[in-house]
Amino acid sequence: MTVRTYVSTTVRNDRVDEVLHALEDVDPDAIVAAVNRSDAPDVPAGVSVSLTGDAREAVKKQLDAIPGLQWEIDVRDTEDRRA
């Protein structure tokens, strides 16, 4: 069984790096699944990241430090079922 934590949020373009760094502090091996940015700094950007294990509490602690940020967290068993 392999558990991963998936985090998605929409944040202003100029704050994407702040969110990514906060999540990488939880898991340095975090996988950035998607970042949808525009060229304008104040336009919303979508961010999706996958972290190892059940990192809900650590993610909440890190992201609570970023004012006004809302996010979704989903923890899933990603066991390879192809075998």
Protein backbone atom coordinates (compact mmCIF):
# COMPACT_ATOMS: atom_id res chain seq x y z
CA MET A 1 0.00 0.00 0.00
CA THR A 2 1.30 3.42 -0.97
CA VAL A 3 -0.47 6.44 0.43
CA ARG A 4 -0.13 9.88 -1.16
CA THR A 5 -1.57 13.26 -0.26
CA TYR A 6 -2.91 15.36 -3.12
CA VAL A 7 -3.21 19.11 -2.63
CA SER A 8 -4.86 21.54 -5.02
CA THR A 9 -5.36 25.26 -4.71
CA THR A 10 -5.94 28.40 -6.70
CA VAL A 11 -3.65 31.26 -5.80
CA ARG A 12 -2.55 34.52 -7.35
CA ASN A 13 0.16 34.04 -9.93
CA ASP A 14 2.67 36.00 -7.88
CA ARG A 15 2.17 33.64 -4.88
CA VAL A 16 2.61 30.29 -6.65
CA ASP A 17 6.25 29.94 -5.63
CA GLU A 18 5.36 30.64 -1.98
CA VAL A 19 2.82 27.79 -2.03
CA LEU A 20 5.20 25.40 -3.79
CA HIS A 21 8.00 26.13 -1.30
CA ALA A 22 5.62 25.58 1.63
CA LEU A 23 4.61 22.18 0.26
CA GLU A 24 8.21 21.23 -0.54
CA ASP A 25 9.05 21.98 3.11
CA VAL A 26 6.59 19.19 4.02
CA ASP A 27 7.96 16.78 1.41
CA PRO A 28 11.16 17.67 -0.48
CA ASP A 29 10.23 14.96 -3.00
CA ALA A 30 6.79 16.45 -3.67
CA ILE A 31 5.60 15.99 -7.23
CA VAL A 32 4.22 19.11 -8.86
CA ALA A 33 1.46 17.69 -11.03
CA ALA A 34 0.33 20.98 -12.54
CA VAL A 35 0.81 24.71 -12.36
CA ASN A 36 -1.40 26.75 -14.66
CA ARG A 37 -0.07 30.33 -14.82
CA SER A 38 -0.69 33.36 -16.94
CA ASP A 39 1.74 36.23 -17.53
CA ALA A 40 -0.20 38.64 -15.28
CA PRO A 41 0.88 38.56 -11.60
CA ASP A 42 -2.61 39.04 -10.13
CA VAL A 43 -4.40 36.40 -12.22
CA PRO A 44 -5.36 33.17 -10.40
CA ALA A 45 -3.16 30.15 -11.03
CA GLY A 46 -4.06 26.53 -10.36
CA VAL A 47 -1.58 24.41 -8.41
CA SER A 48 -1.72 20.63 -7.90
CA VAL A 49 0.90 18.77 -5.87
CA SER A 50 1.33 15.18 -4.69
CA LEU A 51 3.20 14.36 -1.46
CA THR A 52 4.39 11.07 0.01
CA GLY A 53 2.28 9.53 2.78
CA ASP A 54 -0.58 11.02 4.74
CA ALA A 55 0.66 14.58 5.11
CA ARG A 56 -2.69 16.25 5.86
CA GLU A 57 -1.71 17.78 9.19
CA ALA A 58 1.69 18.99 7.99
CA VAL A 59 0.12 20.49 4.85
CA LYS A 60 -2.56 22.27 6.88
CA LYS A 61 0.08 23.69 9.21
CA GLN A 62 2.21 24.99 6.31
CA LEU A 63 -0.66 26.40 4.26
CA ASP A 64 -2.43 27.98 7.25
CA ALA A 65 0.57 30.32 7.42
CA ILE A 66 -0.37 31.79 4.01
CA PRO A 67 -3.18 34.32 4.56
CA GLY A 68 -6.34 33.96 2.50
CA LEU A 69 -5.33 30.67 0.89
CA GLN A 70 -7.95 27.97 0.38
CA TRP A 71 -7.05 24.45 -0.66
CA GLU A 72 -8.33 20.91 -1.03
CA ILE A 73 -6.57 17.87 0.38
CA ASP A 74 -7.23 14.29 -0.68
CA VAL A 75 -5.38 11.26 0.71
CA ARG A 76 -5.42 8.15 -1.49
CA ASP A 77 -4.04 4.65 -1.56
CA THR A 78 -2.14 4.54 -4.85
CA GLU A 79 -1.29 0.85 -4.76
CA ASP A 80 -0.41 -0.45 -8.21
CA ARG A 81 -3.31 -2.75 -9.11
CA ARG A 82 -1.97 -3.79 -12.53
CA ALA A 83 -0.21 -6.85 -11.19
